[in-house]
Amino acid sequence: MHKFFITLGLALYFSKPVLKHLVHIVDALTTKGFSGTLTDLHHWSFHPNHRTTLSHFFTKSPWDEETLLRKLQQWILHRIERIAKRENQPLFVSIDDAICQKTKPSSRAVHAIQGCDWHYSHTEKKSIWGHSLVWLMVHTMTQAFPFAFRLYEKAAGTSKIDLAIEMLSSLKVKPDQPVYVLMDSRHPSKELIEACLKKGFHVIAMLKTNRILYPKGIAVQAKKFAEYIEPSDTHLVTVGEERYRVYRCEGALNDLDDAVVLLTWKADQPMTPEHLHCVLSTDRELDDEDILRCYAQRWAIECFFRQAKDQLKLDGYRVRRVRAVKRYWITVLLACVYSIAESQQDLSAGLELLRSRKGHSVVEYIYNAAKQEIPIDVIKKQLHVA
């Protein structure tokens, strides 16, 4: 882990105590059974200092978390661009938002978690209390890294689209390979699409079925137009293990002079409005299969949300101040990137590798300590089981 931090160049910006804390925190985050609390951070990392030092590290310590994020992003971009160039693949940028759900505090609570609010969850189909984060991920078809995030605060008056544009503006990608920005149907607004096109990025996004299309110059909702499409008007496209019926529309959309919209249905489902999916591509050179294959890469960010919450406890924190919470999220991102870098595969493989290593190292420590006749009480104290 120290070697990875040196590769990031962190030793030039952070003191040895700060790096020591980061090593212990990443070690705990990647340990099976970690729940997100400071008690677990202290326990699972075998931290030699008192637990309150970890609380101080997140809330009051003067280290600069933005520098850590910036150095991580530089390493990620270098890695992803190298992979894309070596494998002659496009580079993908996925944008999505996630909610870190917390318990609604009592009206008499003195120290509630800062920055929380009610946010509508499309997964839960209801509003839930917590922090809403807009995330940006960069990836190829073979490797994906979470890259940046912004906390969405309703009171600040900045929309999620504004936050996404802000993150995109900080993405310094060399134009060696084509770049496709992937989004679900909640994000492809006029402003965000224009921001992508200005940077030379193409957009591939899901559209809502009430979006207005202009087949032959006639304005009509996509779902209404789809009622006139017969199976014989479509063609079959295979993406992975799924087959789709596809009808291709080319031309202008509202706010776009020229684009492609694919009206698609799974081949084994009826061609009804309920089963219709509309996929936008600003790159007209791509054929239908490539558009759908590229959009399928957006699944990487959904997998990250699930694994980061289940395995790294992205939403398990109990610190209360906004800065402490952001620092926690950045250390989760650091743990995620380190896991992927070590396995050279994905987050699941990385966590499995790190957990196996830790299990072996604990057994080896106990074995060597026994050989040196170190008292059992000392071993228990070191492993926090005394």
Protein backbone atom coordinates (compact mmCIF):
# COMPACT_ATOMS: atom_id res chain seq x y z
CA MET A 1 0.00 0.00 0.00
CA HIS A 2 2.88 2.35 0.79
CA LYS A 3 4.30 1.64 -2.67
CA PHE A 4 0.98 2.58 -4.29
CA PHE A 5 0.85 5.83 -2.32
CA ILE A 6 4.39 6.64 -3.42
CA THR A 7 3.34 5.96 -7.03
CA LEU A 8 0.54 8.50 -6.55
CA GLY A 9 3.12 10.99 -5.30
CA LEU A 10 1.40 11.44 -1.92
CA ALA A 11 4.67 11.53 0.02
CA LEU A 12 5.34 14.98 -1.48
CA TYR A 13 2.10 16.40 -0.07
CA PHE A 14 1.31 14.54 3.14
CA SER A 15 3.22 13.92 6.36
CA LYS A 16 4.13 10.43 7.56
CA PRO A 17 1.36 10.44 10.22
CA VAL A 18 -1.26 11.27 7.56
CA LEU A 19 0.00 8.50 5.26
CA LYS A 20 0.00 6.11 8.23
CA HIS A 21 -3.66 6.93 8.89
CA LEU A 22 -4.56 6.46 5.20
CA VAL A 23 -2.87 3.06 5.14
CA HIS A 24 -4.79 1.91 8.23
CA ILE A 25 -8.09 3.30 6.90
CA VAL A 26 -7.78 1.64 3.47
CA ASP A 27 -6.76 -1.59 5.20
CA ALA A 28 -9.92 -1.50 7.33
CA LEU A 29 -12.22 -0.47 4.46
CA THR A 30 -11.15 -3.45 2.37
CA THR A 31 -11.55 -5.96 5.24
CA LYS A 32 -14.56 -8.28 5.15
CA GLY A 33 -16.99 -7.40 7.92
CA PHE A 34 -16.25 -3.66 7.98
CA SER A 35 -19.42 -1.68 8.80
CA GLY A 36 -18.30 1.93 8.26
CA THR A 37 -17.91 3.06 11.88
CA LEU A 38 -14.77 4.58 13.38
CA THR A 39 -14.76 1.70 15.86
CA ASP A 40 -14.48 -0.73 12.96
CA LEU A 41 -11.79 1.40 11.30
CA HIS A 42 -9.77 1.14 14.50
CA HIS A 43 -10.48 -2.55 15.06
CA TRP A 44 -10.01 -4.00 11.57
CA SER A 45 -6.86 -2.01 10.80
CA PHE A 46 -5.15 -2.97 14.11
CA HIS A 47 -4.49 0.76 14.56
CA PRO A 48 -1.98 1.19 17.43
CA ASN A 49 -3.32 4.60 18.55
CA HIS A 50 -6.56 5.37 20.36
CA ARG A 51 -9.78 5.38 18.31
CA THR A 52 -10.27 9.13 18.87
CA THR A 53 -7.24 9.84 16.67
CA LEU A 54 -9.27 8.56 13.70
CA SER A 55 -12.14 10.89 14.58
CA HIS A 56 -9.68 13.78 14.76
CA PHE A 57 -8.20 12.72 11.39
CA PHE A 58 -11.58 13.08 9.65
CA THR A 59 -12.86 16.16 11.47
CA LYS A 60 -9.95 18.42 12.44
CA SER A 61 -6.65 17.21 10.98
CA PRO A 62 -5.21 19.82 8.53
CA TRP A 63 -4.51 17.44 5.62
CA ASP A 64 -5.93 18.49 2.22
CA GLU A 65 -8.42 15.92 0.90
CA GLU A 66 -8.72 17.74 -2.45
CA THR A 67 -5.02 17.14 -3.09
CA LEU A 68 -5.53 13.43 -2.46
CA LEU A 69 -8.46 13.40 -4.90
CA ARG A 70 -6.47 15.33 -7.53
CA LYS A 71 -3.49 12.94 -7.35
CA LEU A 72 -5.82 9.96 -7.60
CA GLN A 73 -7.51 11.45 -10.67
CA GLN A 74 -4.18 12.07 -12.38
CA TRP A 75 -3.18 8.44 -11.85
CA ILE A 76 -6.59 7.15 -13.03
CA LEU A 77 -6.56 9.19 -16.25
CA HIS A 78 -3.03 8.09 -17.08
CA ARG A 79 -3.99 4.45 -16.50
CA ILE A 80 -7.26 4.57 -18.46
CA GLU A 81 -5.78 6.46 -21.42
CA ARG A 82 -2.94 3.95 -21.63
CA ILE A 83 -5.38 1.01 -21.62
CA ALA A 84 -7.62 2.63 -24.25
CA LYS A 85 -4.67 3.33 -26.52
CA ARG A 86 -3.11 -0.12 -26.07
CA GLU A 87 -6.38 -1.97 -26.73
CA ASN A 88 -7.62 0.55 -29.34
CA GLN A 89 -10.83 1.09 -27.38
CA PRO A 90 -12.96 4.18 -26.89
CA LEU A 91 -12.89 5.87 -23.51
CA PHE A 92 -16.17 6.01 -21.59
CA VAL A 93 -17.36 8.54 -19.02
CA SER A 94 -20.45 7.49 -17.06
CA ILE A 95 -22.53 9.98 -15.07
CA ASP A 96 -25.08 8.97 -12.47
CA ASP A 97 -26.25 9.84 -8.97
CA ALA A 98 -26.66 7.76 -5.82
CA ILE A 99 -28.14 8.32 -2.37
CA CYS A 100 -26.36 7.44 0.86
CA GLN A 101 -29.36 6.77 3.08
CA LYS A 102 -29.22 7.85 6.74
CA THR A 103 -31.73 7.75 9.60
CA LYS A 104 -33.89 10.88 9.87
CA PRO A 105 -32.85 12.55 13.16
CA SER A 106 -35.29 13.68 15.80
CA SER A 107 -36.31 17.34 15.71
CA ARG A 108 -34.57 17.66 19.07
CA ALA A 109 -31.30 16.18 17.84
CA VAL A 110 -28.37 18.47 18.66
CA HIS A 111 -25.73 16.94 16.38
CA ALA A 112 -27.41 15.75 13.18
CA ILE A 113 -25.34 14.79 10.14
CA GLN A 114 -24.80 17.90 8.04
CA GLY A 115 -25.85 18.11 4.39
CA CYS A 116 -28.67 15.55 4.54
CA ASP A 117 -32.06 16.16 2.95
CA TRP A 118 -35.00 14.32 1.39
CA HIS A 119 -34.13 12.92 -2.06
CA TYR A 120 -36.27 10.85 -4.38
CA SER A 121 -34.89 7.35 -4.88
CA HIS A 122 -35.77 5.77 -8.22
CA THR A 123 -34.79 2.40 -6.76
CA GLU A 124 -37.02 2.69 -3.69
CA LYS A 125 -39.72 4.64 -5.59
CA LYS A 126 -39.99 7.11 -2.71
CA SER A 127 -38.15 9.99 -1.03
CA ILE A 128 -35.50 8.95 1.47
CA TRP A 129 -33.33 10.90 3.90
CA GLY A 130 -29.60 11.10 3.24
CA HIS A 131 -26.85 12.55 1.07
CA SER A 132 -27.26 12.64 -2.71
CA LEU A 133 -24.03 12.31 -4.69
CA VAL A 134 -23.42 12.87 -8.40
CA TRP A 135 -20.65 10.53 -9.56
CA LEU A 136 -18.45 10.45 -12.63
CA MET A 137 -16.68 7.25 -13.67
CA VAL A 138 -14.05 6.79 -16.40
CA HIS A 139 -13.54 3.41 -18.01
CA THR A 140 -12.81 1.31 -21.03
CA MET A 141 -14.53 -1.95 -21.93
CA THR A 142 -12.10 -3.83 -19.68
CA GLN A 143 -11.46 -1.61 -16.64
CA ALA A 144 -13.41 1.05 -14.75
CA PHE A 145 -12.49 3.58 -12.05
CA PRO A 146 -14.70 5.96 -10.06
CA PHE A 147 -13.23 9.37 -10.83
CA ALA A 148 -15.06 12.23 -9.11
CA PHE A 149 -18.13 13.05 -7.07
CA ARG A 150 -20.07 16.11 -5.91
CA LEU A 151 -22.50 16.45 -3.02
CA TYR A 152 -25.89 17.70 -4.20
CA GLU A 153 -27.37 20.20 -1.74
CA LYS A 154 -30.80 21.61 -2.54
CA ALA A 155 -30.21 24.73 -0.47
CA ALA A 156 -27.12 25.62 -2.52
CA GLY A 157 -29.25 26.18 -5.63
CA THR A 158 -26.92 24.14 -7.85
CA SER A 159 -28.57 21.37 -9.86
CA LYS A 160 -27.23 17.88 -10.46
CA ILE A 161 -26.70 18.84 -14.10
CA ASP A 162 -24.54 21.78 -13.00
CA LEU A 163 -22.48 19.45 -10.81
CA ALA A 164 -22.03 17.00 -13.69
CA ILE A 165 -20.89 19.82 -16.00
CA GLU A 166 -18.46 21.01 -13.32
CA MET A 167 -16.89 17.55 -13.07
CA LEU A 168 -16.72 17.20 -16.85
CA SER A 169 -14.91 20.53 -17.13
CA SER A 170 -12.16 19.20 -14.84
CA LEU A 171 -11.71 16.05 -16.94
CA LYS A 172 -8.50 16.60 -18.91
CA VAL A 173 -8.56 13.82 -21.49
CA LYS A 174 -6.18 13.63 -24.42
CA PRO A 175 -8.17 13.25 -27.67
CA ASP A 176 -6.24 10.15 -28.88
CA GLN A 177 -9.33 7.93 -28.65
CA PRO A 178 -13.04 8.76 -29.05
CA VAL A 179 -14.79 9.62 -25.77
CA TYR A 180 -18.42 8.68 -25.10
CA VAL A 181 -20.36 10.11 -22.17
CA LEU A 182 -22.98 7.60 -20.97
CA MET A 183 -26.12 8.59 -19.04
CA ASP A 184 -29.51 7.22 -18.08
CA SER A 185 -32.74 8.99 -19.02
CA ARG A 186 -32.61 11.45 -16.08
CA HIS A 187 -29.46 13.27 -17.20
CA PRO A 188 -29.31 14.12 -20.96
CA SER A 189 -30.34 17.78 -20.72
CA LYS A 190 -29.54 20.39 -23.35
CA GLU A 191 -26.88 22.01 -21.12
CA LEU A 192 -25.09 18.76 -20.31
CA ILE A 193 -25.09 17.53 -23.91
CA GLU A 194 -23.72 20.87 -25.10
CA ALA A 195 -20.98 20.73 -22.44
CA CYS A 196 -19.99 17.27 -23.70
CA LEU A 197 -19.94 18.30 -27.35
CA LYS A 198 -17.85 21.40 -26.57
CA LYS A 199 -15.18 19.13 -25.09
CA GLY A 200 -15.26 16.93 -28.19
CA PHE A 201 -17.10 14.13 -26.38
CA HIS A 202 -20.04 12.25 -27.89
CA VAL A 203 -23.11 11.37 -25.84
CA ILE A 204 -24.86 8.01 -25.71
CA ALA A 205 -27.85 8.15 -23.38
CA MET A 206 -31.21 6.64 -22.65
CA LEU A 207 -34.14 8.95 -23.48
CA LYS A 208 -37.58 9.03 -21.92
CA THR A 209 -40.23 7.61 -24.22
CA ASN A 210 -42.16 10.90 -24.23
CA ARG A 211 -39.22 12.65 -25.93
CA ILE A 212 -40.23 14.46 -29.13
CA LEU A 213 -38.82 13.03 -32.35
CA TYR A 214 -39.12 14.46 -35.86
CA PRO A 215 -39.51 11.58 -38.33
CA LYS A 216 -39.96 13.15 -41.76
CA GLY A 217 -40.21 16.55 -40.05
CA ILE A 218 -43.30 15.68 -38.02
CA ALA A 219 -43.13 16.25 -34.26
CA VAL A 220 -44.29 13.19 -32.33
CA GLN A 221 -43.53 11.50 -29.02
CA ALA A 222 -41.28 8.47 -29.34
CA LYS A 223 -43.85 6.15 -27.73
CA LYS A 224 -46.58 7.41 -30.09
CA PHE A 225 -44.36 6.99 -33.14
CA ALA A 226 -43.44 3.47 -31.98
CA GLU A 227 -47.09 2.42 -32.28
CA TYR A 228 -46.76 2.63 -36.08
CA ILE A 229 -43.61 0.50 -36.25
CA GLU A 230 -44.12 -3.12 -37.32
CA PRO A 231 -41.70 -5.97 -36.57
CA SER A 232 -40.86 -6.04 -40.28
CA ASP A 233 -39.63 -2.42 -40.00
CA THR A 234 -37.01 -3.43 -37.42
CA HIS A 235 -33.90 -5.55 -37.53
CA LEU A 236 -32.35 -7.84 -34.91
CA VAL A 237 -29.22 -6.75 -33.05
CA THR A 238 -27.30 -8.96 -30.62
CA VAL A 239 -25.47 -7.38 -27.68
CA GLY A 240 -23.85 -9.84 -25.33
CA GLU A 241 -26.45 -12.52 -24.63
CA GLU A 242 -29.44 -10.30 -25.41
CA ARG A 243 -31.18 -9.80 -28.75
CA TYR A 244 -33.07 -6.60 -29.59
CA ARG A 245 -35.44 -5.38 -32.27
CA VAL A 246 -34.16 -2.00 -33.42
CA TYR A 247 -35.63 0.84 -35.46
CA ARG A 248 -33.18 3.64 -36.30
CA CYS A 249 -34.22 7.30 -36.54
CA GLU A 250 -31.79 9.94 -37.81
CA GLY A 251 -32.23 13.69 -37.86
CA ALA A 252 -32.97 16.61 -35.56
CA LEU A 253 -34.26 16.53 -32.00
CA ASN A 254 -35.21 19.37 -29.73
CA ASP A 255 -31.92 21.13 -28.89
CA LEU A 256 -29.95 18.86 -31.28
CA ASP A 257 -29.53 19.50 -35.00
CA ASP A 258 -28.41 15.99 -35.88
CA ALA A 259 -28.40 12.74 -33.91
CA VAL A 260 -29.45 9.10 -33.93
CA VAL A 261 -32.23 7.64 -31.79
CA LEU A 262 -32.70 3.88 -31.61
CA LEU A 263 -36.16 2.59 -30.70
CA THR A 264 -35.48 -0.82 -29.22
CA TRP A 265 -37.37 -3.75 -27.73
CA LYS A 266 -36.03 -7.02 -26.39
CA ALA A 267 -36.61 -9.66 -29.04
CA ASP A 268 -38.61 -11.88 -26.68
CA GLN A 269 -40.97 -9.07 -25.58
CA PRO A 270 -43.96 -7.54 -27.38
CA MET A 271 -43.39 -4.24 -29.20
CA THR A 272 -45.52 -2.21 -26.82
CA PRO A 273 -44.82 1.24 -25.28
CA GLU A 274 -44.21 -0.43 -21.90
CA HIS A 275 -41.25 -2.36 -23.29
CA LEU A 276 -39.87 0.43 -25.48
CA HIS A 277 -36.39 1.86 -24.85
CA CYS A 278 -34.97 4.90 -26.66
CA VAL A 279 -31.20 5.32 -26.98
CA LEU A 280 -29.63 8.58 -28.17
CA SER A 281 -26.25 8.83 -29.89
CA THR A 282 -24.69 12.08 -31.06
CA ASP A 283 -22.20 10.03 -33.10
CA ARG A 284 -23.99 9.15 -36.34
CA GLU A 285 -21.02 7.12 -37.57
CA LEU A 286 -21.72 4.31 -35.09
CA ASP A 287 -23.90 1.46 -36.26
CA ASP A 288 -26.78 0.18 -34.12
CA GLU A 289 -24.85 -2.67 -32.53
CA ASP A 290 -21.98 -0.39 -31.51
CA ILE A 291 -24.36 2.17 -29.98
CA LEU A 292 -26.06 -0.46 -27.82
CA ARG A 293 -22.75 -2.13 -26.99
CA CYS A 294 -21.32 1.19 -25.84
CA TYR A 295 -24.38 2.06 -23.78
CA ALA A 296 -24.16 -1.33 -22.07
CA GLN A 297 -20.85 -0.15 -20.56
CA ARG A 298 -22.84 2.20 -18.30
CA TRP A 299 -23.58 -0.82 -16.15
CA ALA A 300 -20.09 -0.36 -14.64
CA ILE A 301 -21.23 2.63 -12.56
CA GLU A 302 -24.28 0.75 -11.27
CA CYS A 303 -22.00 -2.09 -10.18
CA PHE A 304 -19.73 0.42 -8.45
CA PHE A 305 -22.62 1.89 -6.43
CA ARG A 306 -23.74 -1.54 -5.26
CA GLN A 307 -20.25 -2.82 -4.41
CA ALA A 308 -19.15 0.44 -2.79
CA LYS A 309 -22.18 0.35 -0.49
CA ASP A 310 -22.12 -3.39 0.22
CA GLN A 311 -18.37 -4.00 0.38
CA LEU A 312 -16.74 -0.64 1.20
CA LYS A 313 -19.66 0.91 3.16
CA LEU A 314 -19.87 4.08 1.10
CA ASP A 315 -23.05 4.89 3.06
CA GLY A 316 -22.00 3.41 6.41
CA TYR A 317 -20.29 6.47 7.93
CA ARG A 318 -21.36 8.07 11.22
CA VAL A 319 -19.24 11.21 11.15
CA ARG A 320 -21.43 14.31 11.15
CA ARG A 321 -19.59 17.28 9.67
CA VAL A 322 -19.78 17.76 5.90
CA ARG A 323 -16.01 17.96 5.50
CA ALA A 324 -15.52 14.76 7.53
CA VAL A 325 -18.13 12.98 5.39
CA LYS A 326 -16.42 14.12 2.17
CA ARG A 327 -13.09 12.92 3.53
CA TYR A 328 -14.67 9.55 4.23
CA TRP A 329 -15.99 9.32 0.66
CA ILE A 330 -12.57 10.18 -0.73
CA THR A 331 -10.91 7.43 1.33
CA VAL A 332 -13.55 5.00 0.02
CA LEU A 333 -12.63 6.10 -3.52
CA LEU A 334 -8.94 5.59 -2.64
CA ALA A 335 -9.66 2.08 -1.34
CA CYS A 336 -11.66 1.27 -4.47
CA VAL A 337 -8.91 2.47 -6.84
CA TYR A 338 -6.21 0.66 -4.85
CA SER A 339 -8.21 -2.60 -4.95
CA ILE A 340 -8.68 -2.39 -8.72
CA ALA A 341 -5.04 -1.43 -9.28
CA GLU A 342 -3.76 -4.38 -7.25
CA SER A 343 -5.93 -6.96 -9.00
CA GLN A 344 -5.65 -5.31 -12.45
CA GLN A 345 -9.24 -6.50 -12.93
CA ASP A 346 -12.28 -5.12 -11.09
CA LEU A 347 -13.33 -4.18 -7.56
CA SER A 348 -14.63 -7.65 -6.64
CA ALA A 349 -11.39 -9.32 -7.70
CA GLY A 350 -9.37 -6.64 -5.92
CA LEU A 351 -11.20 -7.04 -2.62
CA GLU A 352 -10.89 -10.80 -2.80
CA LEU A 353 -7.14 -10.46 -3.37
CA LEU A 354 -6.60 -7.95 -0.53
CA ARG A 355 -8.69 -9.95 1.93
CA SER A 356 -6.76 -13.10 1.09
CA ARG A 357 -3.46 -11.27 1.59
CA LYS A 358 -4.58 -9.92 4.95
CA GLY A 359 -5.71 -13.34 6.14
CA HIS A 360 -2.33 -14.81 5.23
CA SER A 361 -0.44 -11.93 6.88
CA VAL A 362 -2.36 -12.32 10.17
CA VAL A 363 -1.64 -16.06 10.26
CA GLU A 364 2.03 -15.42 9.46
CA TYR A 365 2.24 -12.77 12.20
CA ILE A 366 0.83 -15.16 14.80
CA TYR A 367 3.12 -17.98 13.62
CA ASN A 368 6.26 -15.81 13.73
CA ALA A 369 5.29 -14.29 17.08
CA ALA A 370 4.87 -17.79 18.52
CA LYS A 371 8.28 -18.82 17.17
CA GLN A 372 9.81 -15.78 18.90
CA GLU A 373 8.00 -16.74 22.12
CA ILE A 374 6.10 -13.44 22.26
CA PRO A 375 3.53 -13.65 25.07
CA ILE A 376 0.01 -14.50 23.96
CA ASP A 377 -1.38 -11.38 25.68
CA VAL A 378 0.86 -9.18 23.54
CA ILE A 379 -0.37 -10.90 20.36
CA LYS A 380 -4.00 -10.50 21.43
CA LYS A 381 -3.47 -6.81 22.18
CA GLN A 382 -1.84 -6.24 18.79
CA LEU A 383 -4.76 -7.94 17.03
CA HIS A 384 -7.35 -6.07 19.15
CA VAL A 385 -8.82 -9.23 20.66
CA ALA A 386 -7.51 -8.69 24.19
